[in-house]
Amino acid sequence: MHRGSDSQTAAKVQGGAGQLVFATLVLCVAFGEIATGLFVPAMPALGEIYNQPPGTVQLTLVSFAILFGAGQLFFGPFSDRRGRRAALLIGAGLTLAGSATAAAADGIWVIIVGRAIQGLGAASGYVVARAIVRDIYGAEGSAKAMATLFALMIASFAAAPLVGGALLDLASWRAGFVFAAAVGLVWLASAIFIMPETRTATPASERQAIHLVYLGLFRHRGFLCFMITHSLLHGSMYCFIAGAPYYFIDSLGLDPISYGVIAAAVISGSLIGSTGARHAIPRWGMQRVIPVSLAILVCASGTLVGLSLLGWAPLPALVAVQFVYWFGGGLLAPNTAAGVMMSHPKAAGAAAAVLGFFQMCAAAAVSLWQGLAYDGTVFPIIGTQLVLVIAAWVVWHRLRRYTG
C-alpha cells in the first residue's frame, strides 16, 4: 500500500467498518488490564497455595508491568516502520503463549514467567491501538476518540475482577488464565480478519535512527509534561490494583467475589470520568480539563489520608472516595494520553511507546512497594496515592506552558 493511501484508509475505517475496527482497538488496548483484573483476586490464594509472602506474589504484577512497558519501546517504533497490523499479530501470539504458560504452571515462578510473556504481548495492543487512533482520527479528533477508547477499556477492566473472583470461586486460579487465553484468541482473529493497515511501512530513505526519535521526544518539554503526568497517575491507580486485594481479602476477610464487586464499583468511577472527558474536551479543551482532574485527585486522596489519620475510615467511605478518585483519573488520562500523541504526530508509535514504558515502570515500582509496605492497613494504598498525585500536580503546573 502506498503512503498516499493512508488518508483513504482512515476515511474508510471511520466509515462502514468503523465499529468493528474500534471494537478491535478496545480489545487490544484493554487486554493488559483485563488479564490483570482477572488475576488479582487470586493473588492472596496463590500466596497460601505456594506458601509465598505478598512481596513474592507481587512479582506476578511486577514482571507483567516491566515487560508491558519495555515491550512498547519495541512495538511502537516497529509499528511506525513495519505497519500496525503486523505488530498486533505478533502481540496476539505472545498473549496466547503467556496465558497458556501461566495456566499450566506448577509453581509461582512459572506463573511469573507466564505473566511476563503476557505483558510483552499486551504491550503491542496497548501501544499500537493508541497509534491507530492517531492514524484514523488525526490531531483534532484524537482526544475525543481516546476518551471513548479509555471508557470502554475501563469498563472491561471494571468487569474483570468480578469475572476473576467468580472463576476463582467456581473453578480455580487457573481459570482466569484460560479466560485470558480466550480473549487473546479473539484478538488474533480480529487482527487477521477485521483490522486494516492504517500506516504503511516507512521507506528506508525516510527513516530516522530510533535513538534520534527518542532523543527528540525527551527534548520536547510538552511531551515530558503530558508523559510524566500520565505516568504518575497510572502509578497512583496501581496502588489500589496491587494493594486492595490484600487489604480487602486478607485484612478485612472478604471473599474474592465481594472484593470483585468493590473493585468494579471503584473502577467504574474511571469509566464515568472517561465518558465525561469525551464531552468535556470539545467544550472546555484539554488545558482546562486537566487542572480540574488533578484537583479532584488531590482532594480525594487527601480526604482519605485525613480520615485514616483520624482513625475513621469505614468501608463505605473508603469505597465512595476511591470512586471519586478514579473518576478524576478517568477524566485526566484521555487528555494526557492524547497530548503525548499530538506532541509528535509523525512518531505517534514511538511517543505511545515511551508513554507506555514509563507508566508501566511506575506501575511496577508501585506494585513492588505495595507488597513490601503492606501492614494490614489501608494507609500504604492511600498515602502513596496522595504523594504521586501531588507530584503530578507539580509537574503539570511547572511544564504546562510548553503544551500549548
Protein backbone atom coordinates (compact mmCIF):
# COMPACT_ATOMS: atom_id res chain seq x y z
CA MET A 1 0.00 0.00 0.00
CA HIS A 2 1.38 3.45 -0.92
CA ARG A 3 1.78 6.02 1.82
CA GLY A 4 -0.54 8.38 -0.03
CA SER A 5 -3.41 6.00 0.58
CA ASP A 6 -3.23 6.35 4.39
CA SER A 7 -5.85 9.10 4.41
CA GLN A 8 -8.15 6.97 2.25
CA THR A 9 -7.74 4.03 4.64
CA ALA A 10 -8.51 6.26 7.61
CA ALA A 11 -11.64 7.57 5.91
CA LYS A 12 -12.79 4.02 5.15
CA VAL A 13 -12.18 2.93 8.75
CA GLN A 14 -14.19 5.86 10.06
CA GLY A 15 -16.97 4.85 7.71
CA GLY A 16 -18.56 1.45 7.19
CA ALA A 17 -16.06 -0.77 9.04
CA GLY A 18 -15.53 1.70 11.87
CA GLN A 19 -17.45 -0.08 14.63
CA LEU A 20 -15.72 -3.43 14.20
CA VAL A 21 -12.31 -1.79 13.91
CA PHE A 22 -12.91 0.32 17.01
CA ALA A 23 -14.10 -2.77 18.91
CA THR A 24 -10.83 -4.47 17.94
CA LEU A 25 -8.87 -1.47 19.22
CA VAL A 26 -10.73 -1.65 22.54
CA LEU A 27 -9.89 -5.35 22.86
CA CYS A 28 -6.22 -4.76 22.04
CA VAL A 29 -5.73 -1.79 24.34
CA ALA A 30 -7.68 -3.43 27.16
CA PHE A 31 -6.02 -6.84 27.18
CA GLY A 32 -3.37 -5.90 29.72
CA GLU A 33 -5.93 -4.52 32.15
CA ILE A 34 -8.31 -7.45 31.58
CA ALA A 35 -5.57 -10.03 32.18
CA THR A 36 -4.53 -8.24 35.38
CA GLY A 37 -8.10 -7.79 36.58
CA LEU A 38 -8.83 -11.49 36.07
CA PHE A 39 -5.74 -12.43 38.05
CA VAL A 40 -5.58 -10.10 41.08
CA PRO A 41 -8.43 -11.74 43.08
CA ALA A 42 -6.36 -14.95 43.11
CA MET A 43 -3.17 -13.35 44.47
CA PRO A 44 -3.84 -13.95 48.19
CA ALA A 45 -4.87 -17.55 47.41
CA LEU A 46 -1.68 -18.17 45.43
CA GLY A 47 0.35 -16.95 48.39
CA GLU A 48 -1.33 -19.58 50.56
CA ILE A 49 -1.14 -22.38 47.97
CA TYR A 50 2.57 -21.90 47.30
CA ASN A 51 3.46 -20.59 50.77
CA GLN A 52 4.81 -17.28 49.44
CA PRO A 53 4.76 -13.83 51.10
CA PRO A 54 2.95 -10.87 49.46
CA GLY A 55 6.24 -9.43 48.19
CA THR A 56 6.92 -12.56 46.11
CA VAL A 57 3.37 -12.85 44.80
CA GLN A 58 3.51 -9.19 43.77
CA LEU A 59 6.25 -10.18 41.30
CA THR A 60 3.44 -11.54 39.12
CA LEU A 61 2.38 -7.91 38.69
CA VAL A 62 5.93 -6.55 38.53
CA SER A 63 7.07 -8.97 35.79
CA PHE A 64 3.97 -8.19 33.75
CA ALA A 65 4.44 -4.44 34.17
CA ILE A 66 8.14 -4.45 33.26
CA LEU A 67 7.64 -6.43 30.04
CA PHE A 68 4.47 -4.49 29.28
CA GLY A 69 6.45 -1.26 29.48
CA ALA A 70 9.65 -2.44 27.78
CA GLY A 71 7.73 -4.18 25.01
CA GLN A 72 6.14 -0.90 24.00
CA LEU A 73 9.59 0.55 23.28
CA PHE A 74 9.90 -2.18 20.64
CA PHE A 75 6.37 -2.38 19.28
CA GLY A 76 5.85 1.39 18.96
CA PRO A 77 8.73 2.04 16.52
CA PHE A 78 8.12 -1.37 14.89
CA SER A 79 4.57 -0.34 14.07
CA ASP A 80 5.78 3.01 12.70
CA ARG A 81 8.18 1.23 10.35
CA ARG A 82 6.59 -2.13 9.56
CA GLY A 83 2.91 -1.38 9.98
CA ARG A 84 0.36 -1.57 12.79
CA ARG A 85 -1.27 -4.86 11.78
CA ALA A 86 1.95 -6.91 11.89
CA ALA A 87 2.66 -5.66 15.41
CA LEU A 88 -0.85 -6.64 16.55
CA LEU A 89 -0.48 -10.16 15.15
CA ILE A 90 2.80 -10.72 16.98
CA GLY A 91 1.29 -9.39 20.19
CA ALA A 92 -1.72 -11.69 19.96
CA GLY A 93 0.54 -14.73 19.62
CA LEU A 94 2.52 -13.72 22.70
CA THR A 95 -0.59 -13.20 24.82
CA LEU A 96 -1.77 -16.70 23.94
CA ALA A 97 1.62 -18.19 24.81
CA GLY A 98 1.88 -16.34 28.11
CA SER A 99 -1.66 -17.18 29.20
CA ALA A 100 -1.14 -20.87 28.39
CA THR A 101 2.19 -20.95 30.27
CA ALA A 102 0.65 -19.45 33.40
CA ALA A 103 -2.46 -21.65 33.23
CA ALA A 104 -0.30 -24.81 33.13
CA ALA A 105 2.15 -23.63 35.83
CA ASP A 106 3.02 -25.77 38.83
CA GLY A 107 4.76 -23.06 40.83
CA ILE A 108 4.76 -19.33 41.46
CA TRP A 109 7.89 -18.69 39.40
CA VAL A 110 6.40 -20.25 36.27
CA ILE A 111 3.35 -18.03 36.77
CA ILE A 112 5.69 -15.04 36.99
CA VAL A 113 7.29 -16.06 33.66
CA GLY A 114 3.88 -16.57 32.04
CA ARG A 115 2.75 -13.16 33.26
CA ALA A 116 5.90 -11.62 31.78
CA ILE A 117 5.15 -13.14 28.36
CA GLN A 118 1.54 -11.95 28.69
CA GLY A 119 2.84 -8.45 29.41
CA LEU A 120 5.10 -8.45 26.37
CA GLY A 121 2.19 -9.38 24.12
CA ALA A 122 -0.16 -6.91 25.78
CA ALA A 123 2.39 -4.16 25.08
CA SER A 124 1.67 -4.50 21.37
CA GLY A 125 -2.07 -3.99 21.73
CA TYR A 126 -1.74 -1.08 24.13
CA VAL A 127 0.75 0.99 22.17
CA VAL A 128 -0.41 0.14 18.65
CA ALA A 129 -4.11 0.72 19.33
CA ARG A 130 -3.38 4.25 20.54
CA ALA A 131 -1.21 4.94 17.49
CA ILE A 132 -4.03 3.68 15.23
CA VAL A 133 -6.40 6.14 16.91
CA ARG A 134 -3.97 8.90 15.91
CA ASP A 135 -3.79 7.49 12.35
CA ILE A 136 -7.56 7.39 11.95
CA TYR A 137 -8.83 10.44 13.82
CA GLY A 138 -5.96 12.91 13.40
CA ALA A 139 -4.91 15.63 15.80
CA GLU A 140 -8.35 17.19 16.25
CA GLY A 141 -10.33 14.02 16.87
CA SER A 142 -7.77 12.00 18.83
CA ALA A 143 -8.59 13.30 22.32
CA LYS A 144 -12.32 12.59 21.94
CA ALA A 145 -11.72 9.16 20.37
CA MET A 146 -9.13 8.39 23.05
CA ALA A 147 -11.70 9.22 25.74
CA THR A 148 -14.14 6.72 24.20
CA LEU A 149 -11.39 4.12 23.93
CA PHE A 150 -10.39 4.64 27.56
CA ALA A 151 -14.01 4.48 28.73
CA LEU A 152 -14.60 1.12 27.05
CA MET A 153 -11.22 -0.17 28.20
CA ILE A 154 -12.05 0.75 31.78
CA ALA A 155 -15.47 -0.88 31.50
CA SER A 156 -13.68 -4.10 30.60
CA PHE A 157 -11.23 -3.62 33.45
CA ALA A 158 -14.06 -2.97 35.92
CA ALA A 159 -15.75 -6.23 34.93
CA ALA A 160 -12.54 -8.29 35.02
CA PRO A 161 -12.19 -8.58 38.85
CA LEU A 162 -15.83 -9.69 39.06
CA VAL A 163 -15.21 -12.40 36.48
CA GLY A 164 -11.88 -13.33 38.07
CA GLY A 165 -13.41 -13.62 41.54
CA ALA A 166 -16.27 -15.77 40.23
CA LEU A 167 -13.88 -18.04 38.31
CA LEU A 168 -11.73 -18.43 41.42
CA ASP A 169 -14.74 -19.50 43.49
CA LEU A 170 -16.28 -21.73 40.83
CA ALA A 171 -13.13 -23.34 39.44
CA SER A 172 -9.56 -22.39 40.40
CA TRP A 173 -6.95 -19.69 39.88
CA ARG A 174 -6.06 -21.32 36.52
CA ALA A 175 -9.47 -20.43 35.09
CA GLY A 176 -8.53 -16.76 34.89
CA PHE A 177 -5.59 -17.53 32.62
CA VAL A 178 -7.75 -19.79 30.44
CA PHE A 179 -10.22 -16.92 30.09
CA ALA A 180 -7.34 -14.56 29.19
CA ALA A 181 -6.19 -17.03 26.52
CA ALA A 182 -9.70 -16.99 25.03
CA VAL A 183 -9.58 -13.18 24.90
CA GLY A 184 -6.18 -13.39 23.19
CA LEU A 185 -7.62 -15.77 20.60
CA VAL A 186 -10.39 -13.27 19.80
CA TRP A 187 -7.72 -10.56 19.47
CA LEU A 188 -5.79 -12.75 16.99
CA ALA A 189 -8.89 -13.45 14.89
CA SER A 190 -9.86 -9.78 14.86
CA ALA A 191 -6.37 -8.71 13.78
CA ILE A 192 -6.46 -11.23 10.92
CA PHE A 193 -9.99 -10.71 9.62
CA ILE A 194 -11.05 -7.19 10.68
CA MET A 195 -8.14 -4.81 11.22
CA PRO A 196 -6.83 -2.99 8.11
CA GLU A 197 -3.40 -1.43 7.90
CA THR A 198 -3.64 2.26 8.84
CA ARG A 199 0.01 3.12 8.38
CA THR A 200 2.38 1.75 5.76
CA ALA A 201 5.99 0.77 6.31
CA THR A 202 8.29 3.78 6.28
CA PRO A 203 10.71 3.79 3.30
CA ALA A 204 14.33 3.35 4.32
CA SER A 205 15.20 6.78 2.89
CA GLU A 206 12.75 8.44 5.31
CA ARG A 207 13.65 6.52 8.45
CA GLN A 208 15.31 8.21 11.38
CA ALA A 209 17.51 6.27 13.76
CA ILE A 210 15.38 5.23 16.70
CA HIS A 211 17.72 6.78 19.26
CA LEU A 212 17.27 10.12 17.49
CA VAL A 213 13.49 9.70 17.58
CA TYR A 214 13.58 9.07 21.31
CA LEU A 215 16.06 11.90 21.86
CA GLY A 216 13.68 14.25 20.06
CA LEU A 217 10.85 13.17 22.34
CA PHE A 218 12.82 13.81 25.50
CA ARG A 219 13.85 17.25 24.27
CA HIS A 220 10.20 18.26 23.92
CA ARG A 221 9.02 19.69 27.24
CA GLY A 222 5.38 19.49 26.25
CA PHE A 223 5.77 15.75 25.65
CA LEU A 224 7.52 15.38 29.01
CA CYS A 225 4.71 17.25 30.76
CA PHE A 226 1.97 15.00 29.39
CA MET A 227 4.04 11.81 29.75
CA ILE A 228 5.17 12.34 33.35
CA THR A 229 1.73 13.49 34.49
CA HIS A 230 0.10 10.44 32.90
CA SER A 231 2.70 8.03 34.30
CA LEU A 232 2.32 9.35 37.85
CA LEU A 233 -1.45 8.98 37.53
CA HIS A 234 -1.09 5.40 36.32
CA GLY A 235 1.21 4.55 39.20
CA SER A 236 -1.24 6.04 41.70
CA MET A 237 -4.07 3.89 40.34
CA TYR A 238 -1.91 0.78 40.68
CA CYS A 239 -1.77 1.50 44.41
CA PHE A 240 -5.35 0.24 44.53
CA ILE A 241 -4.87 -2.52 41.95
CA ALA A 242 -1.87 -4.02 43.75
CA GLY A 243 -2.77 -3.27 47.36
CA ALA A 244 -6.54 -3.66 47.53
CA PRO A 245 -6.73 -7.50 47.17
CA TYR A 246 -4.62 -7.93 50.30
CA TYR A 247 -6.40 -5.24 52.28
CA PHE A 248 -9.94 -6.36 51.46
CA ILE A 249 -9.38 -10.14 51.39
CA ASP A 250 -6.63 -10.67 53.98
CA SER A 251 -7.22 -7.79 56.40
CA LEU A 252 -10.99 -7.39 56.19
CA GLY A 253 -11.74 -11.05 55.48
CA LEU A 254 -13.89 -10.50 52.38
CA ASP A 255 -14.29 -13.31 49.86
CA PRO A 256 -12.92 -12.89 46.27
CA ILE A 257 -16.36 -12.18 44.77
CA SER A 258 -17.04 -9.43 47.33
CA TYR A 259 -13.65 -7.95 46.55
CA GLY A 260 -14.51 -8.11 42.83
CA VAL A 261 -17.73 -6.18 43.46
CA ILE A 262 -15.85 -3.48 45.39
CA ALA A 263 -13.11 -3.26 42.74
CA ALA A 264 -15.70 -2.98 39.96
CA ALA A 265 -17.53 -0.23 41.87
CA VAL A 266 -14.33 1.75 42.41
CA ILE A 267 -13.00 1.32 38.88
CA SER A 268 -16.37 2.31 37.40
CA GLY A 269 -15.53 5.81 38.60
CA SER A 270 -12.84 5.92 35.94
CA LEU A 271 -15.37 4.74 33.33
CA ILE A 272 -17.67 7.64 34.21
CA GLY A 273 -14.72 10.04 34.23
CA SER A 274 -13.60 8.93 30.76
CA THR A 275 -17.15 9.28 29.47
CA GLY A 276 -17.26 12.77 30.96
CA ALA A 277 -13.94 13.60 29.31
CA ARG A 278 -15.42 12.73 25.92
CA HIS A 279 -17.95 15.55 26.37
CA ALA A 280 -15.76 17.95 28.34
CA ILE A 281 -12.80 18.04 25.95
CA PRO A 282 -14.66 19.58 22.94
CA ARG A 283 -16.39 22.10 25.22
CA TRP A 284 -13.60 23.27 27.51
CA GLY A 285 -10.39 21.91 25.98
CA MET A 286 -7.55 19.94 27.50
CA GLN A 287 -5.92 22.93 29.17
CA ARG A 288 -8.96 23.43 31.40
CA VAL A 289 -9.96 19.80 31.96
CA ILE A 290 -6.53 18.64 33.15
CA PRO A 291 -6.23 21.03 36.17
CA VAL A 292 -9.78 20.16 37.26
CA SER A 293 -8.93 16.45 37.06
CA LEU A 294 -5.79 16.91 39.13
CA ALA A 295 -7.70 18.91 41.74
CA ILE A 296 -10.22 16.07 42.11
CA LEU A 297 -7.40 13.54 42.56
CA VAL A 298 -5.58 15.59 45.18
CA CYS A 299 -8.77 16.33 47.14
CA ALA A 300 -9.95 12.70 47.11
CA SER A 301 -6.64 11.18 48.17
CA GLY A 302 -6.09 13.92 50.75
CA THR A 303 -9.53 13.25 52.21
CA LEU A 304 -8.80 9.54 52.61
CA VAL A 305 -5.44 10.18 54.25
CA GLY A 306 -7.06 12.67 56.62
CA LEU A 307 -9.82 10.22 57.57
CA SER A 308 -7.28 7.45 58.10
CA LEU A 309 -5.13 9.63 60.38
CA LEU A 310 -8.24 10.48 62.40
CA GLY A 311 -8.93 6.77 62.80
CA TRP A 312 -12.20 6.90 60.88
CA ALA A 313 -12.12 5.15 57.50
CA PRO A 314 -15.15 2.82 57.30
CA LEU A 315 -15.51 0.63 54.24
CA PRO A 316 -18.38 2.62 52.62
CA ALA A 317 -16.43 5.88 52.93
CA LEU A 318 -13.28 4.28 51.53
CA VAL A 319 -15.12 2.87 48.53
CA ALA A 320 -17.02 6.12 47.87
CA VAL A 321 -13.95 8.35 47.97
CA GLN A 322 -11.90 5.90 45.92
CA PHE A 323 -14.73 6.04 43.35
CA VAL A 324 -14.28 9.83 43.21
CA TYR A 325 -10.52 9.35 42.92
CA TRP A 326 -10.90 7.01 39.96
CA PHE A 327 -13.40 9.42 38.40
CA GLY A 328 -10.69 12.08 38.45
CA GLY A 329 -8.24 9.61 36.90
CA GLY A 330 -10.69 8.74 34.14
CA LEU A 331 -11.17 12.42 33.41
CA LEU A 332 -7.41 13.04 33.24
CA ALA A 333 -6.00 10.01 31.42
CA PRO A 334 -7.50 10.54 27.91
CA ASN A 335 -6.24 14.13 27.89
CA THR A 336 -2.66 13.31 28.83
CA ALA A 337 -2.52 10.25 26.52
CA ALA A 338 -3.81 12.28 23.57
CA GLY A 339 -1.39 15.09 24.44
CA VAL A 340 1.54 12.69 24.19
CA MET A 341 0.44 11.54 20.72
CA MET A 342 -0.29 15.06 19.46
CA SER A 343 3.13 16.33 20.53
CA HIS A 344 4.81 14.12 17.87
CA PRO A 345 2.25 13.07 15.23
CA LYS A 346 4.91 11.71 12.83
CA ALA A 347 6.22 9.38 15.52
CA ALA A 348 2.96 8.51 17.26
CA GLY A 349 4.03 4.90 17.76
CA ALA A 350 7.32 5.87 19.41
CA ALA A 351 5.59 8.51 21.55
CA ALA A 352 2.99 5.99 22.69
CA ALA A 353 5.80 3.52 23.41
CA VAL A 354 7.66 5.90 25.69
CA LEU A 355 4.43 6.77 27.48
CA GLY A 356 3.61 3.09 27.95
CA PHE A 357 7.11 2.28 29.16
CA PHE A 358 7.19 4.93 31.84
CA GLN A 359 3.63 4.40 33.03
CA MET A 360 4.33 0.70 33.46
CA CYS A 361 7.63 1.41 35.21
CA ALA A 362 5.56 3.45 37.64
CA ALA A 363 3.08 0.58 37.94
CA ALA A 364 5.87 -1.94 38.57
CA ALA A 365 7.51 0.23 41.22
CA VAL A 366 4.19 0.84 42.98
CA SER A 367 3.25 -2.87 42.86
CA LEU A 368 6.57 -3.83 44.43
CA TRP A 369 6.19 -1.10 47.04
CA GLN A 370 2.68 -2.23 47.94
CA GLY A 371 3.95 -5.76 48.57
CA LEU A 372 6.80 -4.52 50.77
CA ALA A 373 4.78 -1.87 52.63
CA TYR A 374 1.70 -3.99 53.28
CA ASP A 375 0.97 -3.76 57.01
CA GLY A 376 -2.66 -4.82 57.17
CA THR A 377 -3.97 -1.26 56.90
CA VAL A 378 -5.19 0.88 54.01
CA PHE A 379 -2.55 3.56 54.56
CA PRO A 380 0.11 2.22 52.11
CA ILE A 381 -2.53 2.47 49.36
CA ILE A 382 -3.94 5.93 50.04
CA GLY A 383 -0.72 7.51 51.32
CA THR A 384 1.18 6.56 48.15
CA GLN A 385 -1.71 7.81 46.02
CA LEU A 386 -1.53 11.23 47.66
CA VAL A 387 2.24 11.53 47.15
CA LEU A 388 2.01 10.59 43.47
CA VAL A 389 -0.87 12.91 42.55
CA ILE A 390 0.76 15.84 44.31
CA ALA A 391 3.86 15.13 42.21
CA ALA A 392 1.67 15.05 39.07
CA TRP A 393 0.13 18.39 40.07
CA VAL A 394 3.60 19.96 40.47
CA VAL A 395 4.84 18.60 37.11
CA TRP A 396 1.77 19.87 35.26
CA HIS A 397 1.94 23.37 36.69
CA ARG A 398 5.69 23.62 36.10
CA LEU A 399 5.59 22.49 32.46
CA ARG A 400 2.08 23.29 31.21
CA ARG A 401 3.23 26.39 29.33
CA TYR A 402 5.08 24.11 26.91
CA THR A 403 1.94 22.14 25.99
CA GLY A 404 0.12 24.84 24.05
